[in-house]
Amino acid sequence: MQSTMQDFGLTVSAILRYAVGVHGDRSVTTATGEGGYRHATYREVGERAARLANALRRLGVEGDDRVATFMWNNQEHLEAYVAVPSMGAVLHTLNIRLFPEQIEFVAYEAEDRVVIADLSLTPILAPVLPRMETVHTVIAVGSGDLAPFEKSGKKVLRYEELIAAESSEFDWPDVDEKSAAAMCYTSGTTGHPKGVVYGHRSSYLHSMAVCSGNGMGLSFSDKAFPIVPMFHANAWGLPYAALMAGADMVLPDRFMDAKSLVNLIETQRPTVAGAVPTIWNDVMNYLDCEQGHDISSLRLVACGGSAVPVSLMKTFEDRYGVQIRQLWGMTETSPMATLAWPAPNTPQDKVWDVRGTQGRPMCGVEARIVDDEGAVLPTDGESVGELEVRGPWITGSYYRNTDESKFQSGWLRTGDVGRIDGQGYITLTDRAKDVIKSGGEWISSVDLENHLIAHPAVREAAVVGVPDERWQERPLAAVVVQQGAQVTAQELRNFLADKVARWWLPERWTFVDEIPRTSVGKYDKKTIRARYAEDTYEVVLATD
């Protein structure tokens, strides 16, 4: 027996039609710096997206041609988000924080034809643009000199002039929901970045998950605030989900320092935000120094990219009335796969234990842990192995099938190590490449970092494994001390003594001005290990 339901395509263009047709009066606010903002309605964004689509057609963008963006989180980037996939082309969000040779590599592999670029990013893009062989046109957003782009020999056009000459009507095609809508490359911390292609259907389903109650519960009563870059995993799906929900949107553009973010929250009153823990750590430190700010409009902060310290979540909840929930995902998972909501029957004294996990999988995501031979381990909360996931918004392969070793019988090997309990809660203890194996036993760098960050004198802490003659590997703790505070390695080791197993306690400590980060804001542990090997760090020893 067949269903009699209508065959309705789950596409980005369907989200666009709904947002403009039903929620056309909702607003998109973009920061302009020094407390200024500009505004547009969803209806205006839809009209401008149609103009952009007409312009791209006139520039020769056909079929599934790739259109790249090199942009901050702003209105023009949102217009590209909806225009490019809806016209049947593929949006390729270039990570502005990649190394020049990586930008060149991903643009060439993706075969980008057009790049929409913010002129404030000219110093980064202009030097590499001549080597982007497949690109024939640059569309420049904002004010500034076009000469650095023009020296590349590419056609260079101004965004506003280009779309002003086009019609605000576009005959959006019926796009196959299983066709490509967008692509994003991994951050390339090990080897070349790898391309992940998102489909229309997967983007639609992921947006529904973000809007669901077990997700972020986004509705037309909300103002979405994607701080996480739109060039990384579709800003965790918040832009498309906001359009689907009819929520207002607030975009920070390039103004990502803690002071600017706090000012934006106070003046624009967003309700749901997403960003990595380092951003919220910076915000917390700013609020501690600058008293009297009100960020209580935020009912939910989805936080991921790396483990969120429980101490950070408690501080925001106790001092500022803001609830941070741990989210887990990857570029390969669109990215939201889990969110840490405690079950209704969770005992009060266990709530923070659950909040400290990565949470349970969203409906549509299946998760399991496996041992080194690929055998599935029990979900008993004790067995530790590599996390594997699968589902309708999880990639089944990388673009051009690079690194097939990451896929096993339809499951994505995440490279994360952890355990799953009987209720489905996932606790990740390390990245497989970062796990510390000392004398044959595992030490969780994540647990050590979370305990260290709870010390009042510690601003940031990262823990890596370094070679040890006796134990093969031992932990090295790299610590950034709070401004005006003082603490010794021995004091920090003593602080950890009643929180972790004795043999976990680091003997090697280094105090640094800042911890190196990857292009998406995570701690760059590869660089920390390299600096240790090169004797760049001054290492202090602390023992019993």
Protein backbone atom coordinates (compact mmCIF):
# COMPACT_ATOMS: atom_id res chain seq x y z
CA MET A 1 0.00 0.00 0.00
CA GLN A 2 1.37 3.40 -0.96
CA SER A 3 1.00 6.67 0.89
CA THR A 4 -1.37 9.29 -0.52
CA MET A 5 0.66 12.18 0.91
CA GLN A 6 1.83 14.87 -1.50
CA ASP A 7 5.36 14.67 -2.83
CA PHE A 8 6.75 17.88 -1.38
CA GLY A 9 10.46 18.53 -1.78
CA LEU A 10 12.43 19.13 1.42
CA THR A 11 14.61 21.92 0.05
CA VAL A 12 16.25 25.18 1.04
CA SER A 13 13.97 26.94 -1.46
CA ALA A 14 10.96 25.56 0.46
CA ILE A 15 12.36 27.11 3.65
CA LEU A 16 12.89 30.39 1.80
CA ARG A 17 9.35 30.44 0.40
CA TYR A 18 7.91 29.77 3.83
CA ALA A 19 10.04 32.40 5.60
CA VAL A 20 9.19 35.11 3.07
CA GLY A 21 5.53 34.14 2.63
CA VAL A 22 4.54 33.53 6.25
CA HIS A 23 7.15 35.41 8.29
CA GLY A 24 8.11 38.15 5.86
CA ASP A 25 7.99 40.86 8.52
CA ARG A 26 10.57 39.17 10.77
CA SER A 27 13.91 40.91 10.89
CA VAL A 28 17.60 40.31 10.26
CA THR A 29 19.85 42.63 12.26
CA THR A 30 23.54 42.99 11.41
CA ALA A 31 26.11 44.73 13.62
CA THR A 32 28.03 47.57 11.95
CA GLY A 33 30.46 48.39 14.76
CA GLU A 34 30.58 50.96 17.55
CA GLY A 35 27.09 50.03 18.67
CA GLY A 36 25.48 50.49 15.25
CA TYR A 37 23.11 48.08 13.49
CA ARG A 38 21.28 47.75 10.17
CA HIS A 39 18.03 45.90 9.67
CA ALA A 40 16.12 44.11 6.92
CA THR A 41 12.95 42.05 6.90
CA TYR A 42 12.79 38.46 5.67
CA ARG A 43 10.74 39.78 2.75
CA GLU A 44 13.54 42.16 1.80
CA VAL A 45 16.14 39.41 2.20
CA GLY A 46 14.04 37.23 -0.13
CA GLU A 47 13.85 39.96 -2.76
CA ARG A 48 17.58 40.59 -2.58
CA ALA A 49 18.25 36.86 -2.79
CA ALA A 50 16.24 36.78 -6.02
CA ARG A 51 18.30 39.67 -7.38
CA LEU A 52 21.50 37.81 -6.44
CA ALA A 53 20.26 34.64 -8.17
CA ASN A 54 19.50 36.61 -11.34
CA ALA A 55 22.97 38.18 -11.22
CA LEU A 56 24.67 34.81 -10.74
CA ARG A 57 22.75 33.38 -13.71
CA ARG A 58 23.93 36.33 -15.79
CA LEU A 59 27.49 35.54 -14.68
CA GLY A 60 27.13 32.01 -16.02
CA VAL A 61 26.33 30.06 -12.86
CA GLU A 62 24.35 27.03 -14.04
CA GLY A 63 23.51 23.55 -12.81
CA ASP A 64 25.38 22.65 -9.65
CA ASP A 65 28.20 25.17 -10.14
CA ARG A 66 29.89 26.11 -6.88
CA VAL A 67 29.56 29.65 -5.55
CA ALA A 68 31.95 30.39 -2.69
CA THR A 69 31.57 32.89 0.13
CA PHE A 70 34.42 34.52 2.04
CA MET A 71 32.37 36.38 4.59
CA TRP A 72 31.44 37.17 8.14
CA ASN A 73 28.01 36.50 9.66
CA ASN A 74 25.93 39.24 8.04
CA GLN A 75 22.86 39.90 5.91
CA GLU A 76 24.64 39.47 2.58
CA HIS A 77 25.97 36.10 3.67
CA LEU A 78 22.42 35.07 4.59
CA GLU A 79 21.23 36.18 1.13
CA ALA A 80 23.84 33.89 -0.44
CA TYR A 81 22.80 31.10 1.96
CA VAL A 82 19.31 31.05 0.48
CA ALA A 83 19.91 32.25 -3.10
CA VAL A 84 22.65 29.87 -4.18
CA PRO A 85 21.07 26.54 -3.11
CA SER A 86 17.59 27.67 -4.14
CA MET A 87 18.72 28.36 -7.71
CA GLY A 88 20.15 24.84 -7.88
CA ALA A 89 23.81 25.80 -7.45
CA VAL A 90 25.99 24.79 -4.48
CA LEU A 91 27.05 27.18 -1.73
CA HIS A 92 30.67 26.69 -0.64
CA THR A 93 31.47 28.57 2.56
CA LEU A 94 35.23 29.19 2.59
CA ASN A 95 36.80 29.21 6.05
CA ILE A 96 38.50 32.60 6.34
CA ARG A 97 40.86 31.25 9.02
CA LEU A 98 42.47 28.53 6.94
CA PHE A 99 46.07 28.91 5.82
CA PRO A 100 46.43 30.47 2.33
CA GLU A 101 47.52 27.17 0.76
CA GLN A 102 44.47 25.47 2.31
CA ILE A 103 42.13 28.13 0.90
CA GLU A 104 43.70 27.62 -2.51
CA PHE A 105 43.36 23.84 -2.18
CA VAL A 106 39.69 23.75 -1.17
CA ALA A 107 38.64 26.34 -3.79
CA TYR A 108 40.39 24.31 -6.49
CA GLU A 109 39.04 20.95 -5.35
CA ALA A 110 35.49 22.33 -5.06
CA GLU A 111 35.88 24.05 -8.46
CA ASP A 112 34.49 27.35 -7.22
CA ARG A 113 33.41 29.64 -10.08
CA VAL A 114 32.40 32.79 -8.23
CA VAL A 115 33.49 34.12 -4.83
CA ILE A 116 31.33 36.53 -2.83
CA ALA A 117 33.85 38.24 -0.56
CA ASP A 118 33.72 40.83 2.20
CA LEU A 119 36.11 43.69 1.42
CA SER A 120 37.22 43.79 5.06
CA LEU A 121 38.85 40.42 4.34
CA THR A 122 40.85 41.70 1.36
CA PRO A 123 44.25 41.26 3.09
CA ILE A 124 43.53 37.53 3.50
CA LEU A 125 41.88 36.76 0.15
CA ALA A 126 43.72 39.03 -2.29
CA PRO A 127 47.13 37.29 -2.04
CA VAL A 128 45.66 33.85 -2.74
CA LEU A 129 43.08 34.93 -5.35
CA PRO A 130 45.46 34.74 -8.37
CA ARG A 131 46.06 31.06 -7.56
CA MET A 132 42.35 30.20 -7.37
CA GLU A 133 42.36 28.87 -10.92
CA THR A 134 38.69 27.93 -11.28
CA VAL A 135 37.34 31.28 -10.03
CA HIS A 136 36.43 33.78 -12.76
CA THR A 137 34.50 36.44 -10.79
CA VAL A 138 34.68 38.12 -7.40
CA ILE A 139 31.63 39.88 -6.00
CA ALA A 140 32.82 42.38 -3.38
CA VAL A 141 30.62 43.19 -0.39
CA GLY A 142 30.98 46.44 1.54
CA SER A 143 33.00 49.56 0.94
CA GLY A 144 36.67 49.64 0.09
CA ASP A 145 39.24 49.54 -2.67
CA LEU A 146 38.71 46.91 -5.38
CA ALA A 147 42.26 47.22 -6.73
CA PRO A 148 43.77 44.34 -4.67
CA PHE A 149 41.13 41.97 -6.09
CA GLU A 150 41.43 43.40 -9.61
CA LYS A 151 45.17 42.67 -9.66
CA SER A 152 44.29 38.97 -9.72
CA GLY A 153 42.98 39.28 -13.27
CA LYS A 154 39.50 38.15 -12.21
CA LYS A 155 36.33 40.07 -13.01
CA VAL A 156 35.47 42.12 -9.89
CA LEU A 157 31.99 43.53 -9.24
CA ARG A 158 30.41 45.37 -6.33
CA TYR A 159 27.60 43.44 -4.65
CA GLU A 160 25.12 46.29 -4.24
CA GLU A 161 25.62 47.63 -7.78
CA LEU A 162 25.29 44.14 -9.20
CA ILE A 163 22.01 43.18 -7.54
CA ALA A 164 20.49 46.67 -7.98
CA ALA A 165 20.46 46.07 -11.74
CA GLU A 166 18.48 42.82 -11.42
CA SER A 167 14.83 41.89 -10.98
CA SER A 168 13.50 41.06 -7.51
CA GLU A 169 11.63 38.12 -9.05
CA PHE A 170 13.32 34.80 -9.80
CA ASP A 171 11.79 31.61 -11.12
CA TRP A 172 13.16 29.26 -8.47
CA PRO A 173 13.52 25.79 -10.04
CA ASP A 174 12.19 22.56 -8.58
CA VAL A 175 15.36 21.16 -7.08
CA ASP A 176 15.82 17.48 -6.26
CA GLU A 177 15.84 17.29 -2.45
CA LYS A 178 18.71 14.81 -2.58
CA SER A 179 20.90 17.11 -4.65
CA ALA A 180 23.74 19.15 -3.15
CA ALA A 181 22.81 22.42 -1.45
CA ALA A 182 26.06 23.44 0.22
CA MET A 183 29.51 22.23 1.08
CA CYS A 184 31.96 22.91 3.88
CA TYR A 185 35.47 21.68 4.47
CA THR A 186 36.85 20.38 7.75
CA SER A 187 39.35 22.61 9.51
CA GLY A 188 42.33 20.58 8.29
CA THR A 189 44.14 20.16 11.62
CA THR A 190 45.60 16.90 10.29
CA GLY A 191 46.40 16.93 6.57
CA HIS A 192 44.34 18.67 3.91
CA PRO A 193 40.79 19.78 4.76
CA LYS A 194 38.13 17.34 3.57
CA GLY A 195 34.92 18.37 1.84
CA VAL A 196 31.47 17.57 3.23
CA VAL A 197 28.51 18.05 0.89
CA TYR A 198 25.14 18.85 2.48
CA GLY A 199 21.95 17.95 0.62
CA HIS A 200 18.72 19.95 0.55
CA ARG A 201 16.92 17.14 2.37
CA SER A 202 19.59 16.80 5.04
CA SER A 203 19.61 20.57 5.63
CA TYR A 204 15.81 20.63 5.92
CA LEU A 205 15.73 17.71 8.38
CA HIS A 206 18.59 19.17 10.41
CA SER A 207 16.70 22.48 10.65
CA MET A 208 13.64 20.64 11.96
CA ALA A 209 15.82 18.97 14.59
CA VAL A 210 17.21 22.37 15.69
CA CYS A 211 13.65 23.68 16.02
CA SER A 212 12.44 20.63 17.96
CA GLY A 213 11.95 20.67 21.72
CA ASN A 214 14.78 18.20 22.27
CA GLY A 215 16.96 20.44 20.10
CA MET A 216 17.10 24.20 20.60
CA GLY A 217 13.33 24.64 20.59
CA LEU A 218 13.56 27.54 18.15
CA SER A 219 10.23 29.28 17.40
CA PHE A 220 8.86 32.59 16.10
CA SER A 221 9.09 33.88 19.68
CA ASP A 222 12.90 33.75 19.47
CA LYS A 223 15.76 35.86 18.22
CA ALA A 224 18.52 33.58 16.96
CA PHE A 225 22.10 34.70 17.49
CA PRO A 226 24.58 32.58 15.51
CA ILE A 227 28.01 33.63 16.76
CA VAL A 228 29.51 30.42 15.40
CA PRO A 229 30.77 31.37 11.93
CA MET A 230 28.51 30.88 8.92
CA PHE A 231 31.61 29.55 7.16
CA HIS A 232 31.72 26.59 9.54
CA ALA A 233 29.08 23.84 9.30
CA ASN A 234 26.31 26.27 8.34
CA ALA A 235 26.62 28.11 11.67
CA TRP A 236 25.35 24.92 13.32
CA GLY A 237 22.19 25.18 11.24
CA LEU A 238 20.88 28.27 13.06
CA PRO A 239 20.29 30.48 9.97
CA TYR A 240 18.14 27.89 8.14
CA ALA A 241 16.38 26.91 11.40
CA ALA A 242 15.58 30.57 12.18
CA LEU A 243 14.06 31.00 8.72
CA MET A 244 12.06 27.79 9.19
CA ALA A 245 10.81 28.90 12.62
CA GLY A 246 10.15 32.51 11.69
CA ALA A 247 12.55 33.67 14.39
CA ASP A 248 14.30 37.02 14.15
CA MET A 249 18.03 36.81 13.48
CA VAL A 250 20.89 38.83 14.94
CA LEU A 251 24.26 38.64 13.19
CA PRO A 252 27.52 39.95 14.70
CA ASP A 253 29.45 40.48 11.42
CA ARG A 254 33.17 40.84 12.26
CA PHE A 255 32.58 42.27 15.73
CA MET A 256 33.30 39.14 17.74
CA ASP A 257 35.17 40.49 20.76
CA ALA A 258 33.53 40.01 24.14
CA LYS A 259 32.67 43.71 24.60
CA SER A 260 30.88 43.90 21.23
CA LEU A 261 29.00 40.64 21.85
CA VAL A 262 27.81 41.76 25.28
CA ASN A 263 26.70 45.12 23.85
CA LEU A 264 24.80 43.32 21.11
CA ILE A 265 23.05 41.03 23.60
CA GLU A 266 22.05 43.96 25.81
CA THR A 267 20.70 46.11 22.97
CA GLN A 268 19.19 43.52 20.60
CA ARG A 269 18.03 40.98 23.23
CA PRO A 270 18.61 37.67 21.38
CA THR A 271 17.21 34.55 23.05
CA VAL A 272 19.09 31.60 21.50
CA ALA A 273 22.81 31.69 20.73
CA GLY A 274 25.47 29.29 19.53
CA ALA A 275 29.26 29.54 19.92
CA VAL A 276 32.29 27.54 21.04
CA PRO A 277 33.33 27.50 24.74
CA THR A 278 36.29 29.84 24.19
CA ILE A 279 33.88 32.61 23.11
CA TRP A 280 31.78 32.20 26.27
CA ASN A 281 34.90 32.01 28.40
CA ASP A 282 35.95 35.39 26.98
CA VAL A 283 32.46 36.78 27.61
CA MET A 284 32.54 35.49 31.19
CA ASN A 285 35.90 37.11 31.85
CA TYR A 286 34.68 40.41 30.38
CA LEU A 287 31.55 40.35 32.55
CA ASP A 288 33.65 39.60 35.62
CA CYS A 289 35.76 42.71 34.93
CA GLU A 290 32.95 44.99 33.72
CA GLN A 291 30.11 44.78 36.22
CA GLY A 292 26.48 45.72 35.64
CA HIS A 293 25.73 44.13 32.27
CA ASP A 294 22.49 42.27 31.57
CA ILE A 295 22.58 39.29 29.18
CA SER A 296 19.55 37.54 30.67
CA SER A 297 17.58 37.73 27.41
CA LEU A 298 19.43 34.54 26.42
CA ARG A 299 17.22 31.62 27.39
CA LEU A 300 19.55 29.09 25.78
CA VAL A 301 23.17 28.98 24.69
CA ALA A 302 24.07 25.92 22.62
CA CYS A 303 27.77 25.40 23.13
CA GLY A 304 30.01 22.93 21.31
CA GLY A 305 33.16 22.48 19.30
CA SER A 306 34.91 21.14 22.39
CA ALA A 307 33.83 19.96 25.83
CA VAL A 308 32.08 22.66 27.86
CA PRO A 309 33.40 22.93 31.43
CA VAL A 310 30.66 22.43 34.02
CA SER A 311 32.18 25.34 35.96
CA LEU A 312 31.54 27.63 32.98
CA MET A 313 27.91 26.49 32.72
CA LYS A 314 27.38 26.97 36.46
CA THR A 315 28.89 30.47 36.39
CA PHE A 316 26.58 31.65 33.61
CA GLU A 317 23.54 30.13 35.28
CA ASP A 318 24.28 31.35 38.81
CA ARG A 319 25.58 34.86 38.02
CA TYR A 320 23.80 35.82 34.79
CA GLY A 321 20.71 33.62 34.59
CA VAL A 322 21.85 32.12 31.27
CA GLN A 323 21.51 28.42 30.56
CA ILE A 324 24.34 26.82 28.56
CA ARG A 325 23.67 23.39 27.08
CA GLN A 326 26.39 21.19 25.67
CA LEU A 327 25.98 20.33 21.98
CA TRP A 328 28.08 17.79 20.13
CA GLY A 329 28.62 17.55 16.41
CA MET A 330 31.14 17.87 13.59
CA THR A 331 31.30 19.34 10.11
CA GLU A 332 30.41 15.80 9.02
CA THR A 333 27.18 15.78 11.08
CA SER A 334 25.72 19.08 9.77
CA PRO A 335 26.63 19.50 12.76
CA MET A 336 24.08 19.01 15.58
CA ALA A 337 23.96 15.36 16.59
CA THR A 338 23.39 15.51 20.36
CA LEU A 339 22.28 18.01 22.98
CA ALA A 340 22.60 17.60 26.76
CA TRP A 341 19.07 17.88 28.16
CA PRO A 342 18.65 15.91 31.43
CA ALA A 343 15.74 13.45 31.34
CA PRO A 344 12.69 14.41 33.46
CA ASN A 345 13.42 11.62 35.95
CA THR A 346 17.01 12.75 36.61
CA PRO A 347 17.68 13.05 40.37
CA GLN A 348 18.58 16.59 41.38
CA ASP A 349 22.02 15.56 42.59
CA LYS A 350 22.76 14.01 39.18
CA VAL A 351 21.62 16.90 36.95
CA TRP A 352 25.08 18.43 36.60
CA ASP A 353 26.58 15.03 35.85
CA VAL A 354 24.21 14.80 32.89
CA ARG A 355 24.80 18.43 31.90
CA GLY A 356 28.50 17.60 31.72
CA THR A 357 27.93 14.91 29.09
CA GLN A 358 27.57 15.51 25.36
CA GLY A 359 23.90 14.55 25.71
CA ARG A 360 21.68 12.11 23.85
CA PRO A 361 21.35 11.75 20.08
CA MET A 362 18.61 13.66 18.31
CA CYS A 363 15.89 11.57 16.67
CA GLY A 364 17.42 10.63 13.32
CA VAL A 365 20.92 10.12 14.72
CA GLU A 366 22.13 6.71 15.83
CA ALA A 367 25.29 6.33 17.93
CA ARG A 368 27.49 3.47 19.09
CA ILE A 369 30.99 2.92 20.44
CA VAL A 370 33.42 0.35 19.06
CA ASP A 371 36.77 -1.06 20.11
CA ASP A 372 40.00 -1.00 18.08
CA GLU A 373 38.83 -3.99 16.03
CA GLY A 374 35.46 -2.41 15.25
CA ALA A 375 33.43 -4.60 17.62
CA VAL A 376 30.40 -2.84 19.12
CA LEU A 377 30.75 -2.23 22.87
CA PRO A 378 27.91 -2.26 25.42
CA THR A 379 26.12 0.92 26.45
CA ASP A 380 26.89 0.42 30.12
CA GLY A 381 28.44 3.80 30.87
CA GLU A 382 31.80 2.15 31.50
CA SER A 383 33.04 0.59 28.24
CA VAL A 384 35.25 3.07 26.37
CA GLY A 385 35.74 3.14 22.60
CA GLU A 386 35.50 5.26 19.47
CA LEU A 387 32.15 6.92 18.81
CA GLU A 388 30.48 6.14 15.48
CA VAL A 389 27.27 7.79 14.22
CA ARG A 390 24.90 7.59 11.28
CA GLY A 391 21.72 9.35 10.18
CA PRO A 392 19.99 11.41 7.47
CA TRP A 393 22.10 14.54 8.05
CA ILE A 394 25.39 12.73 8.60
CA THR A 395 27.72 12.42 5.63
CA GLY A 396 28.31 8.99 4.10
CA SER A 397 31.58 10.01 2.43
CA TYR A 398 33.86 12.95 1.86
CA TYR A 399 33.80 14.89 -1.40
CA ARG A 400 35.75 12.94 -4.05
CA ASN A 401 35.83 10.01 -1.58
CA THR A 402 38.95 11.19 0.23
CA ASP A 403 39.82 9.27 3.41
CA GLU A 404 37.45 6.30 3.07
CA SER A 405 38.92 4.93 6.32
CA LYS A 406 36.58 7.27 8.22
CA PHE A 407 33.54 5.24 7.14
CA GLN A 408 32.71 1.73 8.30
CA SER A 409 29.65 -0.20 7.10
CA GLY A 410 27.57 2.97 6.78
CA TRP A 411 28.82 4.49 10.05
CA LEU A 412 30.95 7.61 10.38
CA ARG A 413 34.03 7.09 12.56
CA THR A 414 34.12 10.34 14.52
CA GLY A 415 37.61 10.06 16.02
CA ASP A 416 36.09 10.86 19.42
CA VAL A 417 36.67 8.47 22.31
CA GLY A 418 34.10 7.97 25.03
CA ARG A 419 31.28 5.91 26.50
CA ILE A 420 27.47 5.64 26.27
CA ASP A 421 25.25 4.84 29.23
CA GLY A 422 21.98 2.92 29.38
CA GLN A 423 19.90 6.06 28.77
CA GLY A 424 21.86 6.95 25.63
CA TYR A 425 23.94 9.77 27.16
CA ILE A 426 27.33 10.12 25.48
CA THR A 427 30.39 11.15 27.46
CA LEU A 428 33.46 11.96 25.36
CA THR A 429 36.81 11.77 27.07
CA ASP A 430 39.14 12.73 24.20
CA ARG A 431 39.79 12.91 20.52
CA ALA A 432 41.42 9.65 19.42
CA LYS A 433 44.46 11.60 18.23
CA ASP A 434 44.68 13.47 21.57
CA VAL A 435 44.10 10.60 23.99
CA ILE A 436 46.88 10.18 26.57
CA LYS A 437 47.92 6.58 27.14
CA SER A 438 50.23 6.36 30.15
CA GLY A 439 51.59 2.97 31.17
CA GLY A 440 48.85 1.29 29.16
CA GLU A 441 46.04 3.27 30.84
CA TRP A 442 44.01 6.15 29.38
CA ILE A 443 44.04 9.63 30.88
CA SER A 444 41.26 12.03 29.84
CA SER A 445 42.68 15.40 28.83
CA VAL A 446 39.12 16.76 28.74
CA ASP A 447 38.46 15.88 32.39
CA LEU A 448 41.76 17.45 33.47
CA GLU A 449 41.00 20.63 31.49
CA ASN A 450 37.50 20.92 32.94
CA HIS A 451 38.80 20.59 36.50
CA LEU A 452 41.61 23.09 35.92
CA ILE A 453 39.31 25.72 34.42
CA ALA A 454 37.29 25.58 37.65
CA HIS A 455 40.25 27.00 39.59
CA PRO A 456 39.62 30.73 40.19
CA ALA A 457 43.13 31.69 39.03
CA VAL A 458 42.89 29.81 35.71
CA ARG A 459 41.56 31.53 32.60
CA GLU A 460 42.22 28.67 30.14
CA ALA A 461 43.87 25.26 30.27
CA ALA A 462 44.78 22.67 27.67
CA VAL A 463 46.26 19.25 28.38
CA VAL A 464 48.21 17.11 25.89
CA GLY A 465 50.22 13.91 26.04
CA VAL A 466 54.01 14.23 25.71
CA PRO A 467 56.68 11.49 25.52
CA ASP A 468 57.88 10.00 28.79
CA GLU A 469 60.80 7.57 29.13
CA ARG A 470 59.16 5.45 31.82
CA TRP A 471 55.42 5.66 31.05
CA GLN A 472 55.55 6.25 27.26
CA GLU A 473 53.30 9.29 27.68
CA ARG A 474 52.42 11.73 30.43
CA PRO A 475 50.16 14.81 30.53
CA LEU A 476 51.49 18.33 30.00
CA ALA A 477 49.19 21.12 31.23
CA ALA A 478 49.36 24.48 29.44
CA VAL A 479 47.72 27.16 31.58
CA VAL A 480 46.68 30.78 31.03
CA VAL A 481 46.37 32.58 34.36
CA GLN A 482 43.65 35.14 35.03
CA GLN A 483 44.80 38.76 34.80
CA GLY A 484 46.08 39.90 38.19
CA ALA A 485 46.06 36.37 39.63
CA GLN A 486 48.97 34.20 40.71
CA VAL A 487 49.16 30.43 41.01
CA THR A 488 51.94 27.84 40.96
CA ALA A 489 52.12 24.47 39.27
CA GLN A 490 52.24 22.76 42.65
CA GLU A 491 49.09 24.57 43.80
CA LEU A 492 47.24 23.46 40.66
CA ARG A 493 48.44 19.88 41.06
CA ASN A 494 47.24 19.91 44.68
CA PHE A 495 43.90 21.36 43.49
CA LEU A 496 43.46 18.35 41.20
CA ALA A 497 44.54 15.79 43.80
CA ASP A 498 41.06 14.99 45.18
CA LYS A 499 39.33 15.24 41.79
CA VAL A 500 41.11 12.69 39.61
CA ALA A 501 43.10 9.49 40.02
CA ARG A 502 46.57 10.09 41.45
CA TRP A 503 48.33 8.72 38.39
CA TRP A 504 46.47 11.26 36.19
CA LEU A 505 48.14 14.23 37.92
CA PRO A 506 50.45 16.11 35.52
CA GLU A 507 54.10 16.51 36.48
CA ARG A 508 54.81 18.93 33.59
CA TRP A 509 53.29 22.41 33.53
CA THR A 510 53.76 25.45 31.35
CA PHE A 511 52.27 28.91 31.87
CA VAL A 512 51.51 30.73 28.62
CA ASP A 513 49.98 34.03 27.51
CA GLU A 514 47.54 32.28 25.21
CA ILE A 515 46.69 28.80 24.01
CA PRO A 516 46.90 28.29 20.25
CA ARG A 517 43.55 27.66 18.57
CA THR A 518 42.42 26.10 15.33
CA SER A 519 40.50 27.94 12.62
CA VAL A 520 37.20 27.16 14.37
CA GLY A 521 38.31 28.18 17.87
CA LYS A 522 39.28 24.82 19.37
CA TYR A 523 42.54 24.30 21.23
CA ASP A 524 45.24 23.40 18.71
CA LYS A 525 46.84 20.51 20.55
CA LYS A 526 49.05 19.57 17.63
CA THR A 527 50.75 22.96 17.92
CA ILE A 528 51.08 22.62 21.71
CA ARG A 529 52.83 19.26 21.31
CA ALA A 530 55.10 20.69 18.60
CA ARG A 531 56.11 23.68 20.76
CA TYR A 532 56.89 21.34 23.63
CA ALA A 533 59.03 19.15 21.35
CA GLU A 534 60.87 22.26 20.10
CA ASP A 535 61.55 23.44 23.70
CA THR A 536 59.53 26.59 23.00
CA TYR A 537 57.73 26.30 26.33
CA GLU A 538 59.30 26.87 29.72
CA VAL A 539 58.25 23.74 31.61
CA VAL A 540 57.82 23.65 35.38
CA LEU A 541 57.86 20.33 37.25
CA ALA A 542 55.48 19.59 40.11
CA THR A 543 55.35 16.29 41.99
CA ASP A 544 54.19 14.93 45.31
